[in-house]
Amino acid sequence: MAYVASLERYSEHPLGRAVVKSAEDAGVALIEAGDIEILKGQGITGLMDGHRVFAGNRRLLEAEAAGIDDWIETRAADLEKAGRTVAFFGWDGEFHGLMAFGDRIKSDAAEVLDSFKQRGVATMIVSGDAKDTTAWVAEAAGAGSFIAEALPADKTGIIERLQAEGKVVAMVGDGVNDAPALAQADLGFALGTGTDIAMRAAAVVLMNSSLGKTLEFFDLSKKTWRIVRQNLFWAFLYNTLSISLAVTGFLNPIYAAVAMLLSSLSVIGNSMRLSR
């Protein structure tokens, strides 16, 4: 536990934070680590007490260790089918243990995804987690489809492919591995509880991390665009009539100035409907 927690304190990944907090709560003394390497979409490695320590997913396990026994593989698979995220750790080329992480699906996730579906918006979960874990989450949340074991570059590539097909893509993310995809998306939402790099990459930060705010954002955007078009239409019509009357002499300069003021006030008044 000391090795893994000491390593994970250099990571911004939410699971790494959970490991460090658990160790601190248990009173575990952390060890100084060096030669830290964060491998996006895989995990983290470093040197401690002369040992090369690693913690991460299967990709990192395969790169760092000879392998694991069949019964451990079976146990890991069972955990993933139950919706758990499994991380492996060890040192000096040997596997020493695994950790299983669970998280509650946001209470409004299924409702929000269903609302998007009713609006004709296709939804997809793209995750770096194992296939069974991602499948469990996608089914529980009611996502239209899912892609698992996606590296940061894979997430960006998926968005680029959808954009090349003429689709407008919005993405919600919170992790370091989501940052490139959030920047690539036409509209990126970062959760306020996520990493700093994700919030910097996104166009919108959901401060209370409620997925329902994405629906409110789209509703507000549509309402804003509708009011902008109304303002342009009425301003054009109003000014066209006023200028025509002024040029032909049916409207003296004083009344023309008042008409211009009323035009501006009508635009302001219509725009104030957004605050309701």
Protein backbone atom coordinates (compact mmCIF):
# COMPACT_ATOMS: atom_id res chain seq x y z
CA MET A 1 0.00 0.00 0.00
CA ALA A 2 2.83 2.40 0.85
CA TYR A 3 4.50 1.89 -2.53
CA VAL A 4 1.30 2.39 -4.54
CA ALA A 5 0.08 5.41 -2.56
CA SER A 6 3.52 7.02 -2.68
CA LEU A 7 3.48 6.61 -6.45
CA GLU A 8 -0.09 7.76 -6.98
CA ARG A 9 0.38 11.06 -5.16
CA TYR A 10 2.18 12.25 -8.31
CA SER A 11 -0.89 11.47 -10.42
CA GLU A 12 -3.92 13.67 -11.07
CA HIS A 13 -6.11 10.68 -11.89
CA PRO A 14 -9.21 10.42 -9.64
CA LEU A 15 -8.37 6.81 -8.80
CA GLY A 16 -4.87 7.85 -7.78
CA ARG A 17 -6.33 10.49 -5.48
CA ALA A 18 -8.58 7.83 -3.92
CA VAL A 19 -5.58 5.59 -3.21
CA VAL A 20 -3.63 8.41 -1.57
CA LYS A 21 -6.60 9.45 0.58
CA SER A 22 -7.18 5.86 1.68
CA ALA A 23 -3.52 5.51 2.66
CA GLU A 24 -3.52 8.79 4.56
CA ASP A 25 -6.72 7.82 6.40
CA ALA A 26 -5.07 4.53 7.37
CA GLY A 27 -1.98 6.33 8.64
CA VAL A 28 0.34 4.81 6.03
CA ALA A 29 3.69 6.60 5.81
CA LEU A 30 4.44 7.65 2.25
CA ILE A 31 7.85 7.14 0.67
CA GLU A 32 9.84 9.52 -1.51
CA ALA A 33 9.74 8.46 -5.16
CA GLY A 34 11.80 9.42 -8.16
CA ASP A 35 11.97 8.95 -11.92
CA ILE A 36 8.18 9.34 -12.11
CA GLU A 37 6.63 8.60 -15.48
CA ILE A 38 2.93 9.11 -16.13
CA LEU A 39 1.78 7.00 -19.07
CA LYS A 40 -1.47 8.40 -20.45
CA GLY A 41 -4.16 5.77 -20.71
CA GLN A 42 -2.03 3.22 -18.85
CA GLY A 43 -0.86 4.30 -15.40
CA ILE A 44 2.25 5.47 -13.59
CA THR A 45 5.73 4.16 -12.79
CA GLY A 46 8.54 5.31 -10.51
CA LEU A 47 11.52 4.31 -8.37
CA MET A 48 11.28 3.72 -4.61
CA ASP A 49 13.80 2.07 -2.31
CA GLY A 50 15.63 0.81 -5.36
CA HIS A 51 12.50 -0.82 -6.81
CA ARG A 52 10.76 0.07 -10.07
CA VAL A 53 7.11 0.29 -9.03
CA PHE A 54 4.14 0.39 -11.40
CA ALA A 55 0.38 0.87 -11.01
CA GLY A 56 -2.13 0.94 -13.83
CA ASN A 57 -4.31 -1.01 -16.20
CA ARG A 58 -3.72 -4.20 -18.19
CA ARG A 59 -1.64 -2.41 -20.81
CA LEU A 60 0.85 -1.35 -18.17
CA LEU A 61 0.75 -4.76 -16.49
CA GLU A 62 1.63 -6.46 -19.78
CA ALA A 63 4.48 -4.01 -20.34
CA GLU A 64 5.92 -4.23 -16.83
CA ALA A 65 5.25 -7.76 -15.56
CA ALA A 66 5.54 -11.31 -16.86
CA GLY A 67 1.84 -11.96 -16.26
CA ILE A 68 -0.68 -13.08 -13.65
CA ASP A 69 -2.17 -16.41 -12.62
CA ASP A 70 -5.42 -17.57 -14.21
CA TRP A 71 -7.38 -17.28 -10.97
CA ILE A 72 -6.33 -13.65 -10.60
CA GLU A 73 -7.35 -12.96 -14.19
CA THR A 74 -10.73 -14.57 -13.49
CA ARG A 75 -11.17 -12.46 -10.37
CA ALA A 76 -10.30 -9.28 -12.27
CA ALA A 77 -12.78 -10.17 -15.03
CA ASP A 78 -15.55 -10.80 -12.47
CA LEU A 79 -14.90 -7.41 -10.88
CA GLU A 80 -15.05 -5.67 -14.27
CA LYS A 81 -18.34 -7.37 -15.14
CA ALA A 82 -19.71 -5.95 -11.89
CA GLY A 83 -18.79 -2.45 -13.06
CA ARG A 84 -15.54 -2.10 -11.14
CA THR A 85 -12.39 -0.49 -12.53
CA VAL A 86 -9.43 -2.79 -11.88
CA ALA A 87 -5.86 -1.52 -11.47
CA PHE A 88 -2.80 -3.73 -11.14
CA PHE A 89 0.41 -2.97 -9.29
CA GLY A 90 3.80 -4.50 -8.65
CA TRP A 91 7.51 -3.85 -8.80
CA ASP A 92 10.68 -5.12 -10.41
CA GLY A 93 8.79 -6.87 -13.19
CA GLU A 94 6.51 -8.85 -10.88
CA PHE A 95 2.79 -8.56 -10.21
CA HIS A 96 2.00 -8.05 -6.53
CA GLY A 97 -1.69 -7.19 -6.34
CA LEU A 98 -4.76 -5.53 -7.78
CA MET A 99 -7.19 -2.86 -6.67
CA ALA A 100 -10.87 -2.58 -7.59
CA PHE A 101 -12.58 0.81 -7.67
CA GLY A 102 -16.29 1.47 -7.77
CA ASP A 103 -18.17 4.70 -8.25
CA ARG A 104 -21.84 5.56 -8.20
CA ILE A 105 -23.29 6.50 -11.55
CA LYS A 106 -24.59 10.04 -11.30
CA SER A 107 -28.22 9.99 -10.23
CA ASP A 108 -29.34 12.05 -13.22
CA ALA A 109 -27.24 10.24 -15.85
CA ALA A 110 -29.98 7.94 -17.19
CA GLU A 111 -32.54 10.76 -17.25
CA VAL A 112 -30.18 13.14 -19.05
CA LEU A 113 -29.15 10.58 -21.67
CA ASP A 114 -32.80 9.67 -22.26
CA SER A 115 -33.65 13.36 -22.71
CA PHE A 116 -30.91 13.71 -25.32
CA LYS A 117 -32.20 10.60 -27.09
CA GLN A 118 -35.71 12.09 -27.24
CA ARG A 119 -34.21 15.20 -28.83
CA GLY A 120 -32.57 13.09 -31.52
CA VAL A 121 -29.07 13.41 -30.08
CA ALA A 122 -26.94 10.25 -30.26
CA THR A 123 -24.99 9.45 -27.09
CA MET A 124 -21.84 7.39 -26.61
CA ILE A 125 -19.59 6.51 -23.69
CA VAL A 126 -15.88 6.51 -24.57
CA SER A 127 -13.76 5.18 -21.73
CA GLY A 128 -10.28 3.97 -20.99
CA ASP A 129 -11.73 1.28 -18.73
CA ALA A 130 -11.97 -2.39 -19.68
CA LYS A 131 -14.75 -3.54 -22.00
CA ASP A 132 -16.82 -5.29 -19.32
CA THR A 133 -16.63 -2.30 -16.96
CA THR A 134 -17.62 0.15 -19.70
CA ALA A 135 -20.43 -2.12 -20.91
CA TRP A 136 -21.87 -2.26 -17.39
CA VAL A 137 -21.81 1.52 -17.04
CA ALA A 138 -23.28 2.07 -20.52
CA GLU A 139 -26.17 -0.28 -19.79
CA ALA A 140 -26.86 1.24 -16.37
CA ALA A 141 -26.82 4.79 -17.77
CA GLY A 142 -28.73 3.96 -20.94
CA ALA A 143 -26.04 5.14 -23.36
CA GLY A 144 -26.67 4.51 -27.03
CA SER A 145 -23.27 2.89 -27.56
CA PHE A 146 -19.84 2.63 -25.98
CA ILE A 147 -16.16 2.29 -26.82
CA ALA A 148 -13.82 0.82 -24.20
CA GLU A 149 -10.07 0.74 -23.61
CA ALA A 150 -9.66 4.07 -25.40
CA LEU A 151 -6.39 5.93 -25.08
CA PRO A 152 -6.37 9.76 -25.11
CA ALA A 153 -5.45 9.73 -28.80
CA ASP A 154 -8.29 7.29 -29.50
CA LYS A 155 -10.82 9.63 -27.90
CA THR A 156 -9.58 12.53 -30.00
CA GLY A 157 -9.62 10.35 -33.13
CA ILE A 158 -13.23 9.31 -32.52
CA ILE A 159 -14.31 12.95 -32.28
CA GLU A 160 -12.35 13.87 -35.41
CA ARG A 161 -14.02 11.01 -37.31
CA LEU A 162 -17.49 12.13 -36.25
CA GLN A 163 -16.69 15.72 -37.21
CA ALA A 164 -15.44 14.55 -40.62
CA GLU A 165 -18.86 12.94 -41.09
CA GLY A 166 -20.43 16.37 -40.61
CA LYS A 167 -21.58 15.82 -37.04
CA VAL A 168 -21.37 18.42 -34.28
CA VAL A 169 -19.79 16.82 -31.22
CA ALA A 170 -20.10 17.75 -27.55
CA MET A 171 -18.13 15.92 -24.88
CA VAL A 172 -18.29 15.70 -21.10
CA GLY A 173 -15.12 14.68 -19.25
CA ASP A 174 -13.16 15.21 -16.07
CA GLY A 175 -9.80 13.47 -16.33
CA VAL A 176 -6.33 14.18 -17.65
CA ASN A 177 -6.92 11.68 -20.44
CA ASP A 178 -10.06 13.58 -21.51
CA ALA A 179 -8.32 16.92 -22.03
CA PRO A 180 -7.23 16.46 -25.69
CA ALA A 181 -10.70 15.25 -26.67
CA LEU A 182 -12.39 18.09 -24.78
CA ALA A 183 -10.26 20.55 -26.74
CA GLN A 184 -11.06 18.81 -30.05
CA ALA A 185 -14.83 18.67 -29.50
CA ASP A 186 -17.04 21.42 -30.89
CA LEU A 187 -18.18 21.93 -27.30
CA GLY A 188 -16.38 20.52 -24.28
CA PHE A 189 -17.91 20.26 -20.80
CA ALA A 190 -15.62 19.64 -17.82
CA LEU A 191 -16.92 18.62 -14.42
CA GLY A 192 -16.00 21.00 -11.62
CA THR A 193 -14.70 18.10 -9.56
CA GLY A 194 -12.31 17.04 -12.32
CA THR A 195 -8.68 17.79 -13.01
CA ASP A 196 -7.33 21.28 -13.69
CA ILE A 197 -6.10 20.32 -17.16
CA ALA A 198 -9.56 19.08 -18.15
CA MET A 199 -11.18 22.31 -16.96
CA ARG A 200 -8.64 24.38 -18.91
CA ALA A 201 -9.28 22.38 -22.08
CA ALA A 202 -13.08 22.60 -21.92
CA ALA A 203 -15.22 25.48 -23.10
CA VAL A 204 -17.70 25.06 -20.24
CA VAL A 205 -17.10 24.02 -16.62
CA LEU A 206 -20.05 22.50 -14.74
CA MET A 207 -19.30 23.77 -11.24
CA ASN A 208 -21.78 21.50 -9.44
CA SER A 209 -20.92 18.55 -11.74
CA SER A 210 -24.60 17.91 -12.54
CA LEU A 211 -25.09 16.34 -15.96
CA GLY A 212 -28.51 17.98 -16.08
CA LYS A 213 -26.73 21.30 -16.54
CA THR A 214 -25.74 20.19 -20.04
CA LEU A 215 -29.43 20.11 -20.99
CA GLU A 216 -29.94 23.54 -19.44
CA PHE A 217 -26.95 24.83 -21.40
CA PHE A 218 -28.36 23.59 -24.73
CA ASP A 219 -31.82 24.98 -23.91
CA LEU A 220 -30.30 28.36 -23.02
CA SER A 221 -28.20 28.33 -26.21
CA LYS A 222 -31.26 27.68 -28.37
CA LYS A 223 -33.23 30.39 -26.58
CA THR A 224 -30.33 32.83 -26.97
CA TRP A 225 -30.02 32.17 -30.69
CA ARG A 226 -33.79 32.53 -31.13
CA ILE A 227 -33.76 35.92 -29.39
CA VAL A 228 -30.73 37.07 -31.41
CA ARG A 229 -32.62 36.33 -34.62
CA GLN A 230 -35.71 38.12 -33.31
CA ASN A 231 -33.64 41.17 -32.40
CA LEU A 232 -31.98 41.26 -35.82
CA PHE A 233 -35.32 40.93 -37.59
CA TRP A 234 -37.13 43.63 -35.61
CA ALA A 235 -34.14 46.00 -35.61
CA PHE A 236 -33.82 45.66 -39.38
CA LEU A 237 -37.56 46.15 -39.94
CA TYR A 238 -37.83 49.02 -37.46
CA ASN A 239 -34.83 50.91 -38.81
CA THR A 240 -35.79 50.34 -42.44
CA LEU A 241 -39.23 51.85 -41.86
CA SER A 242 -37.89 54.71 -39.74
CA ILE A 243 -35.15 55.64 -42.22
CA SER A 244 -37.58 55.47 -45.13
CA LEU A 245 -40.01 57.77 -43.37
CA ALA A 246 -37.22 60.16 -42.35
CA VAL A 247 -35.79 60.35 -45.89
CA THR A 248 -39.19 61.06 -47.42
CA GLY A 249 -39.88 63.80 -44.87
CA PHE A 250 -42.69 62.03 -43.02
CA LEU A 251 -40.56 61.79 -39.87
CA ASN A 252 -38.72 64.84 -38.50
CA PRO A 253 -35.23 64.45 -36.93
CA ILE A 254 -36.49 64.57 -33.34
CA TYR A 255 -38.96 61.76 -33.90
CA ALA A 256 -36.28 59.83 -35.79
CA ALA A 257 -33.95 60.08 -32.77
CA VAL A 258 -36.75 58.88 -30.48
CA ALA A 259 -37.47 56.01 -32.87
CA MET A 260 -33.81 54.97 -32.77
CA LEU A 261 -33.88 54.99 -28.96
CA LEU A 262 -37.05 52.90 -28.91
CA SER A 263 -35.42 50.45 -31.30
CA SER A 264 -32.49 49.97 -28.93
CA LEU A 265 -34.79 49.63 -25.92
CA SER A 266 -36.87 46.97 -27.66
CA VAL A 267 -33.72 44.93 -28.35
CA ILE A 268 -32.58 45.27 -24.72
CA GLY A 269 -36.03 44.37 -23.41
CA ASN A 270 -36.27 41.29 -25.60
CA SER A 271 -32.78 40.19 -24.54
CA MET A 272 -33.69 40.51 -20.86
CA ARG A 273 -36.07 37.56 -21.32
CA LEU A 274 -32.98 35.35 -21.05
CA SER A 275 -32.68 36.18 -17.35
CA ARG A 276 -36.09 34.76 -16.54
